[in-house]
Amino acid sequence: MRETDTGTGTGRGRKVLVIGGGIAGLAAAHRLLDDSADDPVEVTVLEASPRLGGKLHAGRIAGARVDLGAESMLARRPEAVGLAREVGLADRLQPPSTATAAIWTRDTLRPMPKGHVMGVPGSAEALAGILSEEGLRRIAQDADLPPTKLGDDVAVGEYVAARLGREVVDRLVEPLLGGVYAGDAYRISMRSAVPNLFEEARRHPTLMAAVRAIQARTAENQQPGPVFMGIEGGVGTLPDAVADAVRKKGGEILTGVRVTSLRAHSSLVEQRPRRGTRPATKNERTATRRGPRWRVVTEQSRTFEADQVIIALPAPAAASMLRTASPMASQELRGIEYASMALITMAFRRSETRFPEGSGFLVPPVDGHTIKAATFASHKWGWIGAENPDLFVVRTSVGRYGDDKDLSRADADLVDASRRDLGAATGLTAAPVAALVTRWQDGLPQYPVGHADRVARIRAHIGQLQGLAVCGAAYDGVGIPACIAGAYAAVDELRGDTGARDDLKANPVQSLHGGAGE
């Protein structure tokens, strides 16, 4: 890819510009270059920030390597672990050391119940100890209620509360979904966020029957190996490994380059004889045709031209990018809302702490605490404990959609609030030797009722433009495998192959909770 490319062709194949250097954009670039043997391509990635990786961010605290963003990835789908292996991280893939988590509800740490699908139980007994006796009795009423028509979509919390009671939602569904989306269960789309449950609920007369059907199918098709996987050194090391692989394959990656406009235009393209025929004459070389091209201008007034463009940006930035090329897609993208949150990472002297066993705990917002979850990172990831035997690393999360008042507080206040909640939950009295607050402003897209239809409309508008595709967390799921799967589908679409996109519709990548604090 060259700046101010005249579009006359270099003989090296099509030029593709990837706008956005998060994991989706990097995965798209890697996929493009992986397929370049049969389809020569020049790839350039433009990232506005000085850092690659988006919400995957590796860092350090008190010398310990930690994740300051997402910390695990679903291993039951092939995309994320497959990409990690392809870029040389196979020997660093590690499952969590413990899959045992808790929930801090009604002022007590209680074991996370089993036998549920994103907090929705298959029987009342599955939530014994989490719900009150009244709440358990309300669950049992599901068997006596008439079937509920779901229509095209419904909010998870609304539907579950109608069938099983609000206590199930407030005490378990809300904290689990909140850990994935930082959202409000009473707004989140069941079709988009829990697609398997949505489909089964349409087939069965009761909600718990739908859950039991999922559980039975899962048991019959039990996959070997861990459900989730991490990477030694942090999942945040994955983007740089992918970027290195892209560069080795001939791709170009530029950081600190913010795109301000994207326009379609027609360029003069040289007419060349077919391969194997005589060289073109002078008259033949000057004969031209007009072909669709894209011109991108950056904040630094640099201009890039490409045959095809993949926009791998959050919805607001993508909307701004498309305001001229596709006003209708831009308008739809502006309707996607985001939640902001903060992660508070603290390192304690191990000799001064006695944290419970397990990976951490979730916190129902209904209880009114500041933190929404806590991860005992030194328990959860064996490599953290092994590398730092004298430290104990803990992460807490603060903020969710519609509840971001705490995010205006100073870093020190957030650390103090986290310590107070940790003290109330676990008895912690020690002060951290180091603390780090990472703020993710507009960090997670929200999937409200109707989200799937909105995405379909966006893609329909984009599909009218030759050589343009979109991918990222706003479309096919917020998890790492979903972002990568969406990136691969975008690459295939540019080649006219919609098979991957059709497969994603038929088999969506569900964004599951990766453990307390995820």
Protein backbone atom coordinates (compact mmCIF):
# COMPACT_ATOMS: atom_id res chain seq x y z
CA MET A 1 0.00 0.00 0.00
CA ARG A 2 1.41 3.36 -0.96
CA GLU A 3 0.34 6.84 0.01
CA THR A 4 -1.27 8.87 -2.80
CA ASP A 5 -1.32 5.72 -4.93
CA THR A 6 -2.40 6.65 -8.45
CA GLY A 7 -4.32 3.41 -8.88
CA THR A 8 -2.43 2.38 -12.00
CA GLY A 9 -1.50 -0.99 -10.50
CA THR A 10 1.85 -2.45 -9.53
CA GLY A 11 1.23 -5.99 -10.67
CA ARG A 12 1.29 -7.21 -7.07
CA GLY A 13 -2.45 -7.73 -6.71
CA ARG A 14 -5.25 -5.89 -4.98
CA LYS A 15 -4.58 -3.34 -2.27
CA VAL A 16 -6.54 -3.69 0.96
CA LEU A 17 -6.67 -1.12 3.73
CA VAL A 18 -7.65 -2.25 7.23
CA ILE A 19 -8.77 0.64 9.43
CA GLY A 20 -8.39 -0.31 13.07
CA GLY A 21 -5.61 -2.20 14.83
CA GLY A 22 -7.61 -4.05 17.46
CA ILE A 23 -7.74 -7.83 17.42
CA ALA A 24 -10.43 -7.81 14.70
CA GLY A 25 -8.41 -5.62 12.35
CA LEU A 26 -5.19 -7.54 12.99
CA ALA A 27 -6.94 -10.88 12.47
CA ALA A 28 -8.37 -9.59 9.18
CA ALA A 29 -4.91 -8.50 8.01
CA HIS A 30 -3.44 -11.86 8.98
CA ARG A 31 -6.20 -13.73 7.14
CA LEU A 32 -5.74 -11.59 4.01
CA LEU A 33 -2.03 -12.34 3.88
CA ASP A 34 -2.55 -16.00 4.73
CA ASP A 35 -4.60 -16.38 1.57
CA SER A 36 -2.28 -14.26 -0.59
CA ALA A 37 -0.52 -17.17 -2.34
CA ASP A 38 -3.50 -17.70 -4.63
CA ASP A 39 -4.77 -14.14 -4.35
CA PRO A 40 -1.88 -11.60 -4.27
CA VAL A 41 -2.69 -8.74 -1.94
CA GLU A 42 -0.99 -5.73 -0.37
CA VAL A 43 -2.24 -4.99 3.15
CA THR A 44 -1.89 -1.85 5.25
CA VAL A 45 -3.34 -1.50 8.76
CA LEU A 46 -4.01 2.01 10.12
CA GLU A 47 -4.45 2.43 13.88
CA ALA A 48 -5.25 5.80 15.43
CA SER A 49 -3.73 5.15 18.85
CA PRO A 50 -0.04 4.53 19.55
CA ARG A 51 -0.85 1.00 20.72
CA LEU A 52 -2.27 -2.03 18.94
CA GLY A 53 -4.79 -4.44 20.42
CA GLY A 54 -7.81 -2.37 21.43
CA LYS A 55 -9.39 -3.95 24.52
CA LEU A 56 -6.57 -6.51 24.73
CA HIS A 57 -3.88 -4.76 26.73
CA ALA A 58 -0.97 -6.37 28.54
CA GLY A 59 0.79 -4.44 31.30
CA ARG A 60 2.68 -4.76 34.56
CA ILE A 61 2.04 -4.02 38.21
CA ALA A 62 4.78 -4.25 40.83
CA GLY A 63 6.80 -6.07 38.17
CA ALA A 64 4.11 -8.69 37.58
CA ARG A 65 2.81 -9.24 34.04
CA VAL A 66 -0.96 -8.84 33.95
CA ASP A 67 -3.85 -8.14 31.62
CA LEU A 68 -5.34 -4.67 31.88
CA GLY A 69 -8.21 -5.57 29.56
CA ALA A 70 -9.81 -8.88 28.57
CA GLU A 71 -8.04 -11.78 30.26
CA SER A 72 -9.42 -14.99 28.76
CA MET A 73 -10.89 -16.36 25.54
CA LEU A 74 -13.41 -19.05 24.76
CA ALA A 75 -11.54 -22.23 23.82
CA ARG A 76 -14.57 -24.22 22.62
CA ARG A 77 -14.48 -22.18 19.40
CA PRO A 78 -11.41 -22.52 17.14
CA GLU A 79 -10.83 -18.89 16.14
CA ALA A 80 -8.92 -17.37 19.07
CA VAL A 81 -6.81 -20.34 20.15
CA GLY A 82 -6.23 -21.18 16.48
CA LEU A 83 -4.90 -17.70 15.73
CA ALA A 84 -2.70 -17.82 18.83
CA ARG A 85 -1.16 -21.07 17.63
CA GLU A 86 -0.67 -19.71 14.11
CA VAL A 87 1.34 -16.75 15.39
CA GLY A 88 3.64 -18.82 17.59
CA LEU A 89 1.92 -18.76 20.99
CA ALA A 90 0.97 -22.45 21.18
CA ASP A 91 3.38 -23.19 24.04
CA ARG A 92 2.04 -20.23 26.05
CA LEU A 93 -1.64 -21.16 25.95
CA GLN A 94 -2.84 -22.01 29.45
CA PRO A 95 -6.28 -22.77 30.89
CA PRO A 96 -7.32 -21.17 34.18
CA SER A 97 -5.80 -22.90 37.18
CA THR A 98 -9.21 -22.91 38.84
CA ALA A 99 -12.72 -22.74 37.46
CA THR A 100 -14.31 -22.30 40.88
CA ALA A 101 -15.95 -18.91 41.37
CA ALA A 102 -18.31 -17.36 43.89
CA ILE A 103 -21.04 -14.77 44.06
CA TRP A 104 -21.13 -12.10 46.79
CA THR A 105 -24.82 -11.85 47.45
CA ARG A 106 -26.73 -10.73 50.54
CA ASP A 107 -23.39 -9.96 52.27
CA THR A 108 -22.01 -13.49 51.95
CA LEU A 109 -19.66 -15.17 49.49
CA ARG A 110 -21.53 -18.18 48.14
CA PRO A 111 -20.30 -20.80 45.63
CA MET A 112 -21.36 -20.09 42.06
CA PRO A 113 -24.20 -22.52 41.36
CA LYS A 114 -24.02 -25.12 38.62
CA GLY A 115 -26.77 -26.33 36.33
CA HIS A 116 -27.70 -23.04 34.71
CA VAL A 117 -27.32 -21.29 31.34
CA MET A 118 -26.04 -17.73 31.91
CA GLY A 119 -27.81 -17.75 35.27
CA VAL A 120 -31.06 -19.34 34.04
CA PRO A 121 -31.57 -22.63 35.93
CA GLY A 122 -32.91 -25.94 34.73
CA SER A 123 -34.47 -26.53 38.15
CA ALA A 124 -35.18 -24.54 41.30
CA GLU A 125 -32.73 -26.69 43.23
CA ALA A 126 -29.85 -25.40 41.06
CA LEU A 127 -30.09 -22.00 42.77
CA ALA A 128 -30.55 -23.20 46.33
CA GLY A 129 -28.43 -21.02 48.61
CA ILE A 130 -28.41 -18.14 46.13
CA LEU A 131 -32.11 -17.27 46.19
CA SER A 132 -34.47 -16.84 49.09
CA GLU A 133 -37.13 -19.49 49.79
CA GLU A 134 -39.67 -17.18 48.16
CA GLY A 135 -37.45 -16.85 45.10
CA LEU A 136 -37.12 -20.61 44.81
CA ARG A 137 -40.88 -21.06 45.03
CA ARG A 138 -41.35 -18.48 42.29
CA ILE A 139 -39.05 -20.44 39.95
CA ALA A 140 -41.27 -23.49 40.31
CA GLN A 141 -44.20 -21.54 38.84
CA ASP A 142 -42.55 -21.74 35.40
CA ALA A 143 -44.07 -25.21 34.91
CA ASP A 144 -47.60 -23.87 35.44
CA LEU A 145 -47.39 -20.75 33.27
CA PRO A 146 -48.71 -20.83 29.70
CA PRO A 147 -46.04 -20.68 26.95
CA THR A 148 -44.66 -17.21 26.26
CA LYS A 149 -44.43 -16.01 22.69
CA LEU A 150 -40.96 -14.60 22.11
CA GLY A 151 -41.46 -12.89 18.76
CA ASP A 152 -38.36 -11.71 16.92
CA ASP A 153 -36.48 -10.81 20.11
CA VAL A 154 -36.90 -10.10 23.80
CA ALA A 155 -34.81 -8.73 26.66
CA VAL A 156 -33.17 -11.50 28.69
CA GLY A 157 -34.13 -10.01 32.04
CA GLU A 158 -37.69 -9.24 31.00
CA TYR A 159 -38.35 -12.76 29.75
CA VAL A 160 -36.60 -14.59 32.61
CA ALA A 161 -38.31 -12.43 35.24
CA ALA A 162 -41.72 -13.16 33.68
CA ARG A 163 -41.09 -16.90 33.77
CA LEU A 164 -38.99 -17.35 36.92
CA GLY A 165 -39.21 -14.12 38.91
CA ARG A 166 -37.02 -11.05 39.27
CA GLU A 167 -34.83 -12.56 41.98
CA VAL A 168 -33.24 -14.96 39.49
CA VAL A 169 -32.39 -12.03 37.24
CA ASP A 170 -31.19 -9.69 39.97
CA ARG A 171 -29.11 -12.24 41.87
CA LEU A 172 -27.55 -14.30 39.07
CA VAL A 173 -28.44 -13.42 35.46
CA GLU A 174 -27.61 -9.74 35.95
CA PRO A 175 -24.09 -10.24 37.37
CA LEU A 176 -23.25 -12.93 34.80
CA LEU A 177 -24.42 -10.91 31.80
CA GLY A 178 -22.90 -7.80 33.34
CA GLY A 179 -19.55 -9.53 33.45
CA VAL A 180 -19.70 -10.01 29.68
CA TYR A 181 -21.38 -6.84 28.44
CA ALA A 182 -21.18 -4.42 31.40
CA GLY A 183 -24.86 -4.06 30.56
CA ASP A 184 -28.37 -4.18 31.97
CA ALA A 185 -30.01 -7.60 31.77
CA TYR A 186 -33.42 -5.96 31.38
CA ARG A 187 -32.23 -4.38 28.11
CA ILE A 188 -29.89 -7.01 26.67
CA SER A 189 -31.17 -8.97 23.68
CA MET A 190 -31.77 -12.64 24.34
CA ARG A 191 -31.45 -13.37 20.63
CA SER A 192 -28.00 -11.75 20.43
CA ALA A 193 -26.54 -12.43 23.88
CA VAL A 194 -27.88 -15.92 24.62
CA PRO A 195 -28.82 -17.23 21.15
CA ASN A 196 -28.94 -20.91 22.12
CA LEU A 197 -31.39 -20.19 24.93
CA PHE A 198 -33.49 -17.97 22.65
CA GLU A 199 -33.85 -20.72 20.07
CA GLU A 200 -34.64 -23.43 22.61
CA ALA A 201 -37.16 -21.21 24.42
CA ARG A 202 -39.06 -20.92 21.15
CA ARG A 203 -39.31 -24.72 20.95
CA HIS A 204 -40.34 -25.55 24.52
CA PRO A 205 -43.37 -24.62 26.61
CA THR A 206 -41.33 -23.61 29.68
CA LEU A 207 -38.03 -21.81 30.16
CA MET A 208 -36.54 -24.48 32.40
CA ALA A 209 -37.38 -27.12 29.80
CA ALA A 210 -35.38 -25.05 27.29
CA VAL A 211 -32.43 -24.94 29.71
CA ARG A 212 -32.58 -28.70 30.27
CA ALA A 213 -32.60 -29.27 26.50
CA ILE A 214 -29.40 -27.21 26.17
CA GLN A 215 -27.81 -29.09 29.03
CA ALA A 216 -28.75 -32.47 27.51
CA ARG A 217 -27.34 -31.50 24.12
CA THR A 218 -24.17 -30.20 25.73
CA ALA A 219 -23.71 -33.45 27.64
CA GLU A 220 -24.16 -35.49 24.45
CA ASN A 221 -21.64 -33.37 22.55
CA GLN A 222 -19.23 -32.72 25.36
CA GLN A 223 -15.99 -31.30 23.97
CA PRO A 224 -12.68 -32.27 25.56
CA GLY A 225 -10.40 -29.68 27.05
CA PRO A 226 -10.98 -26.42 28.91
CA VAL A 227 -13.84 -24.06 28.15
CA PHE A 228 -11.61 -20.98 28.43
CA MET A 229 -7.97 -20.31 27.73
CA GLY A 230 -5.45 -17.65 28.67
CA ILE A 231 -1.95 -16.86 27.47
CA GLU A 232 1.17 -16.81 29.63
CA GLY A 233 2.05 -13.16 29.93
CA GLY A 234 -1.55 -12.15 29.30
CA VAL A 235 -4.08 -12.35 26.49
CA GLY A 236 -2.92 -8.81 25.77
CA THR A 237 0.22 -10.25 24.20
CA LEU A 238 -1.81 -11.76 21.35
CA PRO A 239 -2.21 -8.56 19.27
CA ASP A 240 1.54 -7.89 19.09
CA ALA A 241 2.19 -11.50 18.10
CA VAL A 242 -0.39 -11.21 15.30
CA ALA A 243 1.10 -7.86 14.24
CA ASP A 244 4.58 -9.41 14.04
CA ALA A 245 3.19 -12.21 11.87
CA VAL A 246 1.48 -9.68 9.60
CA ARG A 247 4.72 -7.77 9.13
CA LYS A 248 6.65 -10.97 8.38
CA LYS A 249 4.12 -11.77 5.67
CA GLY A 250 4.73 -8.38 4.06
CA GLY A 251 1.92 -6.36 5.61
CA GLU A 252 2.40 -2.79 6.79
CA ILE A 253 1.08 -1.55 10.14
CA LEU A 254 1.01 2.14 11.02
CA THR A 255 0.06 3.45 14.47
CA GLY A 256 -0.81 7.01 15.43
CA VAL A 257 -2.64 7.43 12.12
CA ARG A 258 -6.24 8.57 12.56
CA VAL A 259 -8.49 8.38 9.50
CA THR A 260 -10.77 11.38 9.00
CA SER A 261 -12.53 10.54 5.75
CA LEU A 262 -13.32 7.61 3.49
CA ARG A 263 -14.59 8.19 -0.03
CA ALA A 264 -15.29 5.98 -2.98
CA HIS A 265 -14.02 7.16 -6.34
CA SER A 266 -13.06 5.78 -9.75
CA SER A 267 -9.40 5.54 -10.69
CA LEU A 268 -7.75 4.99 -14.01
CA VAL A 269 -6.55 1.41 -14.12
CA GLU A 270 -4.12 0.20 -16.77
CA GLN A 271 -5.47 -2.43 -19.16
CA ARG A 272 -2.84 -5.17 -19.30
CA PRO A 273 -2.84 -8.21 -21.61
CA ARG A 274 -3.68 -11.50 -19.96
CA ARG A 275 -0.84 -13.43 -18.40
CA GLY A 276 1.21 -15.36 -20.95
CA THR A 277 0.41 -13.13 -23.93
CA ARG A 278 2.68 -10.63 -25.69
CA PRO A 279 3.73 -7.39 -23.95
CA ALA A 280 1.29 -4.48 -24.26
CA THR A 281 1.92 -1.92 -26.97
CA LYS A 282 2.09 1.78 -26.14
CA ASN A 283 -1.46 2.28 -27.36
CA GLU A 284 -2.69 -0.67 -25.30
CA ARG A 285 -0.95 0.62 -22.16
CA THR A 286 -2.74 3.95 -22.43
CA ALA A 287 -6.12 2.30 -22.85
CA THR A 288 -7.87 2.50 -19.49
CA ARG A 289 -11.02 1.50 -17.74
CA ARG A 290 -12.62 2.94 -14.64
CA GLY A 291 -12.75 0.77 -11.54
CA PRO A 292 -14.09 1.31 -8.02
CA ARG A 293 -11.45 2.50 -5.59
CA TRP A 294 -11.37 3.92 -2.08
CA ARG A 295 -9.52 7.01 -0.92
CA VAL A 296 -8.70 7.51 2.75
CA VAL A 297 -7.43 10.76 4.25
CA THR A 298 -5.85 10.89 7.71
CA GLU A 299 -5.63 13.54 10.40
CA GLN A 300 -2.07 14.21 9.25
CA SER A 301 -3.39 14.92 5.71
CA ARG A 302 -1.88 11.71 4.41
CA THR A 303 -3.82 10.01 1.65
CA PHE A 304 -4.10 6.29 0.97
CA GLU A 305 -5.86 4.56 -1.88
CA ALA A 306 -7.04 0.97 -1.96
CA ASP A 307 -9.14 -1.44 -3.95
CA GLN A 308 -10.86 -2.67 -0.80
CA VAL A 309 -11.31 -1.46 2.77
CA ILE A 310 -12.16 -3.28 6.00
CA ILE A 311 -13.42 -1.03 8.80
CA ALA A 312 -12.58 -2.68 12.13
CA LEU A 313 -13.56 0.15 14.45
CA PRO A 314 -16.03 0.70 17.31
CA ALA A 315 -19.47 1.73 16.06
CA PRO A 316 -19.15 5.52 16.69
CA ALA A 317 -15.85 5.72 14.80
CA ALA A 318 -17.19 3.51 12.01
CA ALA A 319 -20.26 5.74 11.77
CA SER A 320 -18.09 8.81 11.37
CA MET A 321 -16.04 7.01 8.72
CA LEU A 322 -19.12 6.06 6.71
CA ARG A 323 -21.07 9.32 6.91
CA THR A 324 -20.34 10.09 3.24
CA ALA A 325 -19.90 6.63 1.71
CA SER A 326 -23.02 5.14 3.35
CA PRO A 327 -25.17 7.63 5.29
CA MET A 328 -27.75 4.95 6.13
CA ALA A 329 -25.15 2.56 7.58
CA SER A 330 -23.65 5.51 9.46
CA GLN A 331 -27.03 6.35 10.98
CA GLU A 332 -27.59 2.76 12.12
CA LEU A 333 -24.11 2.59 13.64
CA ARG A 334 -24.76 5.76 15.63
CA GLY A 335 -27.63 3.93 17.31
CA ILE A 336 -25.29 1.38 18.94
CA GLU A 337 -24.65 2.42 22.54
CA TYR A 338 -21.61 1.61 24.65
CA ALA A 339 -20.89 1.02 28.33
CA SER A 340 -17.88 2.42 30.14
CA MET A 341 -16.03 0.69 32.93
CA ALA A 342 -12.81 0.71 34.90
CA LEU A 343 -10.54 -2.13 35.97
CA ILE A 344 -8.66 -1.66 39.24
CA THR A 345 -5.60 -3.91 39.42
CA MET A 346 -3.90 -4.25 42.81
CA ALA A 347 -0.85 -6.14 44.00
CA PHE A 348 -0.63 -7.18 47.65
CA ARG A 349 2.09 -8.85 49.66
CA ARG A 350 1.01 -12.46 49.78
CA SER A 351 2.15 -12.74 53.38
CA GLU A 352 -0.42 -10.08 54.36
CA THR A 353 -3.45 -11.56 52.62
CA ARG A 354 -5.67 -14.63 52.86
CA PHE A 355 -7.96 -14.51 49.86
CA PRO A 356 -10.46 -17.35 49.42
CA GLU A 357 -9.71 -20.11 46.98
CA GLY A 358 -11.16 -19.85 43.49
CA SER A 359 -10.97 -17.40 40.62
CA GLY A 360 -12.93 -14.63 42.33
CA PHE A 361 -16.53 -13.51 42.65
CA LEU A 362 -19.35 -11.63 40.98
CA VAL A 363 -21.46 -8.96 42.65
CA PRO A 364 -25.18 -8.42 41.92
CA PRO A 365 -25.74 -4.69 41.31
CA VAL A 366 -28.95 -4.91 43.34
CA ASP A 367 -26.84 -5.10 46.51
CA GLY A 368 -25.50 -1.59 45.91
CA HIS A 369 -21.77 -2.22 46.17
CA THR A 370 -19.23 -0.26 44.13
CA ILE A 371 -17.42 -3.19 42.52
CA LYS A 372 -19.23 -5.47 40.08
CA ALA A 373 -16.73 -8.32 40.19
CA ALA A 374 -13.33 -9.34 41.52
CA THR A 375 -10.76 -11.68 40.00
CA PHE A 376 -8.08 -13.34 42.12
CA ALA A 377 -5.61 -13.28 39.23
CA SER A 378 -2.87 -15.04 41.14
CA HIS A 379 -5.25 -17.96 41.78
CA LYS A 380 -6.79 -17.96 38.33
CA TRP A 381 -3.64 -17.86 36.21
CA GLY A 382 -0.89 -20.20 37.33
CA TRP A 383 1.83 -18.26 35.56
CA ILE A 384 1.12 -15.11 37.62
CA GLY A 385 1.50 -17.00 40.87
CA ALA A 386 4.59 -18.87 39.65
CA GLU A 387 6.35 -15.74 38.43
CA ASN A 388 5.45 -13.66 41.49
CA PRO A 389 5.36 -15.93 44.55
CA ASP A 390 5.56 -13.00 46.99
CA LEU A 391 2.69 -11.04 45.39
CA PHE A 392 -1.02 -11.58 45.12
CA VAL A 393 -2.70 -9.79 42.20
CA VAL A 394 -6.41 -8.90 42.30
CA ARG A 395 -8.59 -7.16 39.71
CA THR A 396 -11.92 -5.48 40.40
CA SER A 397 -14.31 -3.90 37.92
CA VAL A 398 -16.45 -0.80 38.36
CA GLY A 399 -19.18 0.64 36.15
CA ARG A 400 -21.75 -0.70 33.71
CA TYR A 401 -24.35 0.63 31.29
CA GLY A 402 -26.55 3.20 33.02
CA ASP A 403 -24.39 3.13 36.17
CA ASP A 404 -21.19 5.04 35.51
CA LYS A 405 -21.32 7.60 38.32
CA ASP A 406 -18.35 5.99 40.06
CA LEU A 407 -16.20 6.41 36.95
CA SER A 408 -15.98 10.15 37.62
CA ARG A 409 -14.10 9.46 40.84
CA ALA A 410 -10.33 9.82 41.07
CA ASP A 411 -8.15 6.74 40.69
CA ALA A 412 -7.26 6.76 44.38
CA ASP A 413 -10.95 6.82 45.32
CA LEU A 414 -11.67 3.82 43.10
CA VAL A 415 -8.80 1.92 44.69
CA ASP A 416 -10.10 2.76 48.18
CA ALA A 417 -13.66 1.73 47.25
CA SER A 418 -12.38 -1.55 45.85
CA ARG A 419 -10.41 -2.23 49.02
CA ARG A 420 -13.47 -1.54 51.17
CA ASP A 421 -15.63 -3.93 49.17
CA LEU A 422 -12.91 -6.57 49.12
CA GLY A 423 -12.61 -6.16 52.87
CA ALA A 424 -16.34 -6.62 53.38
CA ALA A 425 -16.40 -9.69 51.13
CA THR A 426 -13.16 -11.43 52.11
CA GLY A 427 -11.89 -9.79 55.31
CA LEU A 428 -8.99 -8.07 53.50
CA THR A 429 -7.22 -5.49 55.68
CA ALA A 430 -3.87 -5.08 53.88
CA ALA A 431 -2.97 -2.13 51.70
CA PRO A 432 -1.73 -2.85 48.17
CA VAL A 433 1.93 -2.33 47.35
CA ALA A 434 0.82 -1.04 43.95
CA ALA A 435 -2.48 -0.20 42.25
CA LEU A 436 -3.38 0.69 38.70
CA VAL A 437 -6.70 1.96 37.33
CA THR A 438 -7.43 1.29 33.66
CA ARG A 439 -10.45 3.18 32.32
CA TRP A 440 -12.29 1.83 29.31
CA GLN A 441 -14.42 4.72 28.12
CA ASP A 442 -17.16 3.37 25.83
CA GLY A 443 -15.43 0.02 26.12
CA LEU A 444 -18.22 -2.47 25.44
CA PRO A 445 -20.99 -2.27 22.81
CA GLN A 446 -24.50 -2.96 24.06
CA TYR A 447 -26.74 -5.56 22.44
CA PRO A 448 -30.30 -4.42 23.24
CA VAL A 449 -33.46 -5.94 21.83
CA GLY A 450 -33.37 -5.62 18.04
CA HIS A 451 -29.57 -5.59 17.82
CA ALA A 452 -29.42 -8.49 15.35
CA ASP A 453 -31.82 -6.70 13.02
CA ARG A 454 -29.80 -3.50 13.28
CA VAL A 455 -26.63 -5.36 12.33
CA ALA A 456 -28.44 -6.94 9.38
CA ARG A 457 -29.48 -3.48 8.17
CA ILE A 458 -25.93 -2.17 8.53
CA ARG A 459 -24.56 -5.05 6.49
CA ALA A 460 -27.27 -4.61 3.85
CA HIS A 461 -26.24 -0.97 3.39
CA ILE A 462 -22.55 -1.86 3.35
CA GLY A 463 -23.22 -4.64 0.87
CA GLN A 464 -24.29 -2.07 -1.71
CA LEU A 465 -20.74 -0.72 -1.80
CA GLN A 466 -18.18 -2.75 -3.71
CA GLY A 467 -14.96 -3.53 -1.86
CA LEU A 468 -16.08 -2.54 1.65
CA ALA A 469 -16.64 -4.68 4.77
CA VAL A 470 -16.94 -4.14 8.52
CA CYS A 471 -16.05 -6.23 11.56
CA GLY A 472 -15.53 -5.87 15.30
CA ALA A 473 -17.25 -6.29 18.65
CA ALA A 474 -20.29 -4.25 17.61
CA TYR A 475 -21.58 -6.94 15.25
CA ASP A 476 -21.12 -10.66 15.95
CA GLY A 477 -20.25 -10.82 19.67
CA VAL A 478 -18.00 -9.06 22.15
CA GLY A 479 -15.68 -12.00 22.87
CA ILE A 480 -12.29 -12.51 21.23
CA PRO A 481 -13.36 -15.52 19.11
CA ALA A 482 -16.41 -13.61 17.88
CA CYS A 483 -14.28 -10.64 16.82
CA ILE A 484 -11.87 -12.93 14.98
CA ALA A 485 -14.67 -14.92 13.33
CA GLY A 486 -16.27 -11.68 12.17
CA ALA A 487 -12.94 -10.51 10.77
CA TYR A 488 -12.48 -13.73 8.80
CA ALA A 489 -16.02 -13.44 7.42
CA ALA A 490 -15.29 -9.86 6.32
CA VAL A 491 -12.18 -10.98 4.44
CA ASP A 492 -14.11 -13.74 2.72
CA GLU A 493 -16.88 -11.33 1.76
CA LEU A 494 -14.38 -9.13 -0.07
CA ARG A 495 -13.63 -12.17 -2.24
CA GLY A 496 -17.29 -12.77 -2.87
CA ASP A 497 -17.52 -15.73 -0.47
CA THR A 498 -20.39 -15.41 2.02
CA GLY A 499 -20.01 -18.91 3.46
CA ALA A 500 -18.35 -17.75 6.69
CA ARG A 501 -20.99 -15.07 7.21
CA ASP A 502 -23.78 -17.59 6.67
CA ASP A 503 -22.13 -19.95 9.15
CA LEU A 504 -21.93 -17.18 11.76
CA LYS A 505 -25.64 -16.57 11.37
CA ALA A 506 -26.40 -20.25 11.75
CA ASN A 507 -23.86 -20.83 14.56
CA PRO A 508 -23.32 -17.54 16.40
CA VAL A 509 -20.33 -17.22 18.71
CA GLN A 510 -21.93 -16.83 22.11
CA SER A 511 -20.02 -14.52 24.43
CA LEU A 512 -19.79 -16.49 27.66
CA HIS A 513 -18.60 -15.39 31.05
CA GLY A 514 -14.96 -16.31 31.49
CA GLY A 515 -14.97 -16.35 35.27
CA ALA A 516 -15.36 -13.80 38.03
CA GLY A 517 -14.16 -10.39 36.96
CA GLU A 518 -14.01 -11.15 33.24
